Amino acid sequence: MEQNWWYDGRRDVLAATRAALTYLQKLYNLFGSWELALAAYKIAPPGIEGPAGDLDLVRLAAEVVKFQY
């Protein structure tokens, strides 16, 4: 998102929503599941792109969601 002394894209509701949806779609394409995409969204990018253990946490979170129902 664009940020400078005059404009901050994070405060633009439409731009921020589009960026969030684009990022969620990217996560869905990466994991192939909306549950995993939403779990990964909550962890934030450093957690996803970090060690493989973080990806295991996302997968574990998705498994826990399946058993809650």
C-alpha atoms as a PDB file:
ATOM      1  CA  MET A   1       0.000   0.000   0.000  1.00  0.00           C
ATOM      2  CA  GLU A   2       1.200   3.454  -0.845  1.00  0.00           C
ATOM      3  CA  GLN A   3       2.372   5.664   2.009  1.00  0.00           C
ATOM      4  CA  ASN A   4       3.879   9.111   1.843  1.00  0.00           C
ATOM      5  CA  TRP A   5       3.654  12.385   3.722  1.00  0.00           C
ATOM      6  CA  TRP A   6       0.284  13.177   2.119  1.00  0.00           C
ATOM      7  CA  TYR A   7      -1.452   9.837   1.526  1.00  0.00           C
ATOM      8  CA  ASP A   8      -1.668   6.672   3.621  1.00  0.00           C
ATOM      9  CA  GLY A   9      -3.348   3.825   1.758  1.00  0.00           C
ATOM     10  CA  ARG A  10      -4.010   1.970   5.009  1.00  0.00           C
ATOM     11  CA  ARG A  11      -6.609   4.626   5.906  1.00  0.00           C
ATOM     12  CA  ASP A  12      -8.378   4.338   2.545  1.00  0.00           C
ATOM     13  CA  VAL A  13     -11.208   1.898   3.226  1.00  0.00           C
ATOM     14  CA  LEU A  14     -11.564   0.720  -0.382  1.00  0.00           C
ATOM     15  CA  ALA A  15      -7.817   0.346  -0.979  1.00  0.00           C
ATOM     16  CA  ALA A  16      -7.315  -1.504   2.315  1.00  0.00           C
ATOM     17  CA  THR A  17     -10.250  -3.831   1.612  1.00  0.00           C
ATOM     18  CA  ARG A  18      -8.970  -4.619  -1.885  1.00  0.00           C
ATOM     19  CA  ALA A  19      -5.493  -5.323  -0.491  1.00  0.00           C
ATOM     20  CA  ALA A  20      -6.915  -7.614   2.194  1.00  0.00           C
ATOM     21  CA  LEU A  21      -9.002  -9.538  -0.334  1.00  0.00           C
ATOM     22  CA  THR A  22      -6.043  -9.871  -2.693  1.00  0.00           C
ATOM     23  CA  TYR A  23      -3.909 -11.192   0.159  1.00  0.00           C
ATOM     24  CA  LEU A  24      -6.624 -13.660   1.244  1.00  0.00           C
ATOM     25  CA  GLN A  25      -6.918 -14.925  -2.343  1.00  0.00           C
ATOM     26  CA  LYS A  26      -3.131 -15.389  -2.465  1.00  0.00           C
ATOM     27  CA  LEU A  27      -3.255 -17.398   0.775  1.00  0.00           C
ATOM     28  CA  TYR A  28      -6.149 -19.492  -0.555  1.00  0.00           C
ATOM     29  CA  ASN A  29      -4.143 -20.258  -3.696  1.00  0.00           C
ATOM     30  CA  LEU A  30      -1.176 -21.202  -1.514  1.00  0.00           C
ATOM     31  CA  PHE A  31      -3.050 -23.492   0.898  1.00  0.00           C
ATOM     32  CA  GLY A  32      -6.051 -24.603  -1.172  1.00  0.00           C
ATOM     33  CA  SER A  33      -8.486 -24.104   1.692  1.00  0.00           C
ATOM     34  CA  TRP A  34     -10.321 -21.096   3.111  1.00  0.00           C
ATOM     35  CA  GLU A  35      -9.856 -22.396   6.662  1.00  0.00           C
ATOM     36  CA  LEU A  36      -6.084 -22.486   6.197  1.00  0.00           C
ATOM     37  CA  ALA A  37      -6.106 -19.128   4.413  1.00  0.00           C
ATOM     38  CA  LEU A  38      -7.977 -17.478   7.293  1.00  0.00           C
ATOM     39  CA  ALA A  39      -5.713 -19.103   9.884  1.00  0.00           C
ATOM     40  CA  ALA A  40      -2.669 -17.890   7.955  1.00  0.00           C
ATOM     41  CA  TYR A  41      -4.172 -14.390   7.666  1.00  0.00           C
ATOM     42  CA  LYS A  42      -4.421 -14.195  11.444  1.00  0.00           C
ATOM     43  CA  ILE A  43      -0.764 -15.237  11.903  1.00  0.00           C
ATOM     44  CA  ALA A  44       0.525 -12.443   9.602  1.00  0.00           C
ATOM     45  CA  PRO A  45       3.173 -12.607   6.862  1.00  0.00           C
ATOM     46  CA  PRO A  46       6.307 -13.063   9.015  1.00  0.00           C
ATOM     47  CA  GLY A  47       4.759 -16.144  10.615  1.00  0.00           C
ATOM     48  CA  ILE A  48       3.815 -17.662   7.271  1.00  0.00           C
ATOM     49  CA  GLU A  49       7.056 -17.017   5.457  1.00  0.00           C
ATOM     50  CA  GLY A  50       9.189 -18.045   8.436  1.00  0.00           C
ATOM     51  CA  PRO A  51      10.279 -21.559   9.409  1.00  0.00           C
ATOM     52  CA  ALA A  52       8.297 -24.568   8.192  1.00  0.00           C
ATOM     53  CA  GLY A  53       6.998 -25.039  11.742  1.00  0.00           C
ATOM     54  CA  ASP A  54       4.771 -22.007  11.289  1.00  0.00           C
ATOM     55  CA  LEU A  55       3.077 -23.592   8.298  1.00  0.00           C
ATOM     56  CA  ASP A  56       2.469 -26.657  10.449  1.00  0.00           C
ATOM     57  CA  LEU A  57       0.725 -24.431  12.981  1.00  0.00           C
ATOM     58  CA  VAL A  58      -1.610 -23.161  10.276  1.00  0.00           C
ATOM     59  CA  ARG A  59      -2.419 -26.695   9.177  1.00  0.00           C
ATOM     60  CA  LEU A  60      -2.965 -27.730  12.798  1.00  0.00           C
ATOM     61  CA  ALA A  61      -5.350 -24.808  13.300  1.00  0.00           C
ATOM     62  CA  ALA A  62      -7.369 -25.965  10.293  1.00  0.00           C
ATOM     63  CA  GLU A  63      -7.536 -29.501  11.680  1.00  0.00           C
ATOM     64  CA  VAL A  64      -8.771 -28.189  15.040  1.00  0.00           C
ATOM     65  CA  VAL A  65     -11.526 -26.254  13.267  1.00  0.00           C
ATOM     66  CA  LYS A  66     -12.694 -29.470  11.571  1.00  0.00           C
ATOM     67  CA  PHE A  67     -13.078 -31.268  14.904  1.00  0.00           C
ATOM     68  CA  GLN A  68     -14.920 -28.457  16.643  1.00  0.00           C
ATOM     69  CA  TYR A  69     -18.088 -29.190  14.682  1.00  0.00           C
END
